[in-house]
Structures are given as structure tokens and as C-alpha cells.
N, C-alpha and C. Protein backbone atom coordinates (compact mmCIF):
# COMPACT_ATOMS: atom_id res chain seq x y z
N MET A 1 -0.02 -1.06 -0.01
CA MET A 1 -0.31 -0.23 -0.13
C MET A 1 1.46 1.18 0.21
N LEU A 2 2.04 1.38 0.19
CA LEU A 2 2.75 2.16 0.10
C LEU A 2 3.33 2.71 -0.87
N ILE A 3 3.02 1.67 -1.81
CA ILE A 3 3.76 2.39 -3.52
C ILE A 3 2.76 3.29 -3.73
N PRO A 4 2.07 3.46 -4.03
CA PRO A 4 0.78 4.83 -4.34
C PRO A 4 1.55 5.68 -3.66
N VAL A 5 1.55 5.42 -2.30
CA VAL A 5 2.17 7.27 -2.20
C VAL A 5 3.55 7.56 -2.67
N THR A 6 4.62 6.67 -2.52
CA THR A 6 5.45 6.36 -2.92
C THR A 6 5.60 7.35 -4.24
N LEU A 7 5.06 6.91 -5.47
CA LEU A 7 4.71 7.52 -6.96
C LEU A 7 4.48 8.94 -6.58
N LEU A 8 3.41 8.93 -6.32
CA LEU A 8 2.54 9.90 -5.89
C LEU A 8 3.54 11.42 -5.06
N LEU A 9 4.45 10.86 -4.15
CA LEU A 9 5.44 11.86 -3.86
C LEU A 9 6.30 12.35 -4.81
N ILE A 10 7.21 10.56 -5.51
CA ILE A 10 7.76 11.18 -6.92
C ILE A 10 7.21 11.86 -7.91
N ILE A 11 6.14 11.95 -8.41
CA ILE A 11 5.43 12.61 -9.27
C ILE A 11 5.14 14.50 -8.49
N ALA A 12 4.83 14.28 -7.10
CA ALA A 12 4.48 15.82 -7.04
C ALA A 12 6.26 16.49 -6.77
N PHE A 13 7.31 16.11 -6.70
CA PHE A 13 8.85 16.53 -6.05
C PHE A 13 9.45 15.37 -7.55
N ALA A 14 9.04 16.07 -8.65
CA ALA A 14 9.85 15.71 -9.52
C ALA A 14 10.66 16.28 -9.86
N ASN A 15 10.34 17.63 -10.23
CA ASN A 15 11.98 18.17 -10.54
C ASN A 15 12.38 18.28 -8.89
N GLU A 16 12.48 18.60 -8.17
CA GLU A 16 13.86 19.04 -6.66
C GLU A 16 14.13 17.32 -6.35
N THR A 17 13.43 15.71 -6.28
CA THR A 17 14.25 14.85 -6.45
C THR A 17 14.50 14.51 -7.57
N LYS A 18 14.73 14.23 -8.80
CA LYS A 18 15.76 14.78 -10.42
C LYS A 18 14.92 13.43 -10.46
N ILE A 19 14.18 12.28 -10.04
CA ILE A 19 14.04 10.94 -9.98
C ILE A 19 13.57 9.88 -11.50
N PRO A 20 12.53 11.08 -11.91
CA PRO A 20 12.28 10.71 -12.87
C PRO A 20 13.22 10.90 -14.21
N GLN A 21 13.76 12.09 -14.06
CA GLN A 21 15.40 12.61 -15.36
C GLN A 21 16.32 11.36 -15.06
N ASN A 22 16.96 11.45 -14.27
CA ASN A 22 17.84 10.03 -13.21
C ASN A 22 17.91 8.84 -14.57
N TYR A 23 16.27 8.40 -14.48
CA TYR A 23 15.33 7.08 -15.21
C TYR A 23 15.57 7.00 -16.11
N GLU A 24 15.16 8.66 -16.86
CA GLU A 24 14.47 8.70 -18.37
C GLU A 24 13.27 8.42 -18.33
N ILE A 25 12.22 8.78 -17.56
CA ILE A 25 10.91 8.37 -16.87
C ILE A 25 10.33 9.62 -18.05
N ARG A 26 8.90 9.25 -18.42
CA ARG A 26 8.45 10.84 -18.89
C ARG A 26 7.62 11.09 -17.76
N GLN A 27 7.11 12.31 -17.53
CA GLN A 27 5.97 12.87 -16.35
C GLN A 27 4.91 11.81 -15.98
N GLY A 28 4.24 11.72 -17.93
CA GLY A 28 3.33 11.06 -18.53
C GLY A 28 3.02 9.82 -17.93
N ASP A 29 4.25 8.69 -17.37
CA ASP A 29 4.25 7.35 -18.06
C ASP A 29 4.36 7.33 -16.06
N LEU A 30 4.65 8.02 -15.29
CA LEU A 30 4.35 8.41 -13.65
C LEU A 30 3.15 7.65 -13.68
N TRP A 31 2.27 8.56 -14.30
CA TRP A 31 0.81 8.53 -13.86
C TRP A 31 0.21 7.17 -14.24
N TYR A 32 -0.08 6.60 -15.58
CA TYR A 32 0.40 4.99 -15.87
C TYR A 32 0.98 4.39 -14.57
N TYR A 33 2.35 4.60 -13.64
CA TYR A 33 2.97 3.67 -13.89
C TYR A 33 2.65 3.81 -11.90
N PHE A 34 1.25 4.89 -11.76
CA PHE A 34 0.04 4.79 -10.22
C PHE A 34 -1.00 4.48 -11.01
N PHE A 35 -1.73 4.18 -11.65
CA PHE A 35 -2.79 3.69 -11.75
C PHE A 35 -2.83 2.36 -11.86
N PHE A 36 -1.14 1.76 -12.86
CA PHE A 36 -1.64 -0.25 -12.55
C PHE A 36 -0.84 -0.57 -11.07
N THR A 37 -0.70 0.18 -9.86
CA THR A 37 -0.51 0.09 -8.90
C THR A 37 -1.62 -0.05 -8.05
N ILE A 38 -2.59 0.95 -8.33
CA ILE A 38 -3.85 0.97 -7.86
C ILE A 38 -4.39 -0.53 -8.33
N VAL A 39 -4.74 -0.05 -9.61
CA VAL A 39 -5.38 -1.69 -9.90
C VAL A 39 -5.03 -2.97 -9.68
N ILE A 40 -4.04 -3.08 -9.36
CA ILE A 40 -2.69 -4.85 -9.21
C ILE A 40 -3.34 -4.24 -7.21
N ILE A 41 -3.53 -3.91 -6.79
CA ILE A 41 -3.66 -3.88 -5.37
C ILE A 41 -4.10 -5.94 -5.52
N LEU A 42 -5.38 -5.15 -5.28
CA LEU A 42 -6.58 -6.22 -5.27
C LEU A 42 -6.46 -7.80 -6.01
N PRO A 43 -6.04 -7.92 -7.50
CA PRO A 43 -5.61 -8.69 -7.40
C PRO A 43 -3.92 -9.80 -6.77
N GLN A 44 -3.40 -8.77 -6.64
CA GLN A 44 -2.35 -9.20 -6.03
C GLN A 44 -2.86 -10.31 -3.90
N TYR A 45 -4.22 -9.32 -3.76
CA TYR A 45 -3.84 -10.52 -2.34
C TYR A 45 -4.68 -11.76 -2.92
N VAL A 46 -5.26 -11.39 -3.14
CA VAL A 46 -6.26 -12.82 -4.35
C VAL A 46 -5.19 -13.83 -4.95
N VAL A 47 -4.24 -13.46 -5.61
CA VAL A 47 -2.36 -13.84 -5.24
C VAL A 47 -1.60 -14.76 -4.11
N ASP A 48 -2.13 -14.00 -3.69
CA ASP A 48 -1.27 -14.47 -2.34
C ASP A 48 -1.93 -14.97 -1.40
N ILE A 49 -3.28 -15.15 -0.93
CA ILE A 49 -4.23 -15.72 -1.06
C ILE A 49 -4.42 -17.50 -1.13
N PHE A 50 -3.81 -17.68 -2.91
CA PHE A 50 -4.33 -18.76 -3.48
C PHE A 50 -3.17 -19.09 -2.99
N LEU A 51 -1.83 -18.16 -3.39
CA LEU A 51 0.00 -19.17 -2.95
C LEU A 51 0.16 -19.31 -1.50
N LEU A 52 -0.42 -18.87 -0.14
CA LEU A 52 -0.72 -19.58 0.96
C LEU A 52 -2.00 -20.66 0.94
N HIS A 53 -2.07 -21.15 0.62
CA HIS A 53 -3.25 -21.77 0.60
C HIS A 53 -2.17 -23.06 -0.08
N ILE A 54 -1.46 -22.85 -1.42
CA ILE A 54 -0.74 -23.80 -1.69
C ILE A 54 -0.07 -24.38 -0.79
N LEU A 55 1.29 -23.80 -0.37
CA LEU A 55 1.22 -23.92 0.80
C LEU A 55 1.24 -24.67 1.68
N GLU A 56 0.23 -24.47 2.35
CA GLU A 56 -0.61 -25.42 2.87
C GLU A 56 -0.50 -26.44 2.41
N VAL A 57 -0.93 -26.95 1.12
CA VAL A 57 -2.01 -28.61 0.83
C VAL A 57 -0.50 -28.51 0.11
N VAL A 58 0.42 -28.49 -0.75
CA VAL A 58 1.24 -29.42 -0.56
C VAL A 58 2.11 -29.32 0.00
N HIS A 59 2.34 -28.57 0.61
CA HIS A 59 4.51 -28.72 1.40
C HIS A 59 3.67 -28.31 3.36
N GLY A 60 2.32 -28.37 3.97
CA GLY A 60 2.76 -28.48 5.00
C GLY A 60 2.04 -27.56 5.63
N TYR A 61 2.89 -26.72 4.94
CA TYR A 61 3.17 -25.54 6.41
C TYR A 61 1.82 -25.18 6.83
N LYS A 62 1.90 -24.79 7.53
CA LYS A 62 0.54 -24.09 9.07
C LYS A 62 0.79 -22.23 9.14
N CYS A 63 0.75 -21.96 7.87
CA CYS A 63 1.46 -20.32 8.06
C CYS A 63 0.22 -19.38 8.48
N TYR A 64 -1.18 -20.01 7.88
CA TYR A 64 -2.92 -19.19 8.89
C TYR A 64 -2.30 -19.50 10.35
N ASP A 65 -1.87 -20.79 10.49
CA ASP A 65 -2.75 -20.53 11.94
C ASP A 65 -1.43 -20.02 12.30
N TYR A 66 -0.46 -20.23 12.13
CA TYR A 66 1.08 -19.49 12.35
C TYR A 66 0.96 -17.30 12.91
N LEU A 67 0.48 -17.18 12.06
CA LEU A 67 0.40 -16.32 11.74
C LEU A 67 -1.44 -15.43 12.52
N THR A 68 -1.91 -16.13 12.80
CA THR A 68 -3.05 -16.24 14.08
C THR A 68 -1.87 -16.32 14.96
N TYR A 69 -1.77 -17.02 15.46
CA TYR A 69 -1.47 -16.93 16.59
C TYR A 69 -0.10 -16.27 17.11
N CYS A 70 0.15 -15.13 15.57
CA CYS A 70 1.20 -14.66 16.31
C CYS A 70 0.30 -13.63 16.14
N ASP A 71 -1.17 -13.16 16.31
CA ASP A 71 -1.30 -11.95 16.23
C ASP A 71 -2.17 -12.14 17.71
N TYR A 72 -2.62 -13.10 17.94
CA TYR A 72 -3.27 -14.06 19.36
C TYR A 72 -2.27 -12.97 20.21
N ARG A 73 -0.61 -13.71 19.58
CA ARG A 73 0.38 -13.53 20.91
C ARG A 73 0.63 -11.58 21.39
N VAL A 74 0.87 -10.42 20.38
CA VAL A 74 0.88 -9.21 20.52
C VAL A 74 -0.27 -9.61 21.49
């Protein structure tokens, strides 16, 4: 969730940081990167959940149980 915020800061302070100029990124392309990061958030969560399930089924790692236990400990 931090990447869209970082991209907004890079867009806002492009002249001060010179990051787009140093990497030869056009200002319009930064907006495409920003919208892509917004669009990809939900599919990334779905893929993460799917891979967590695969780890548990195929390898027997109880990742979800471990994470809920960690949340319980805190």
C-alpha cells in the first residue's frame, strides 16, 4: 500500500528529486505506473491468498495458523 503514496510523492516532487530525469521516465508514464499500482492491489491479495493455500496443501506449512497465533501473542 506504500507504493502508490511513494509514486504520488515522486510525481509531486519530480523536479526536486530528479528521479524521473535520472531514470529517463516521462511525467506521463509516472501516472500510468501510479494507476497500475492501484489496479494491481486486489489481484495481488488474491494471488497471495492462493499461494498461501498452496503452501499449506502441498508442503504442509501451517502459515495461517502461525500468523493467527502471532496476532494472538501480541
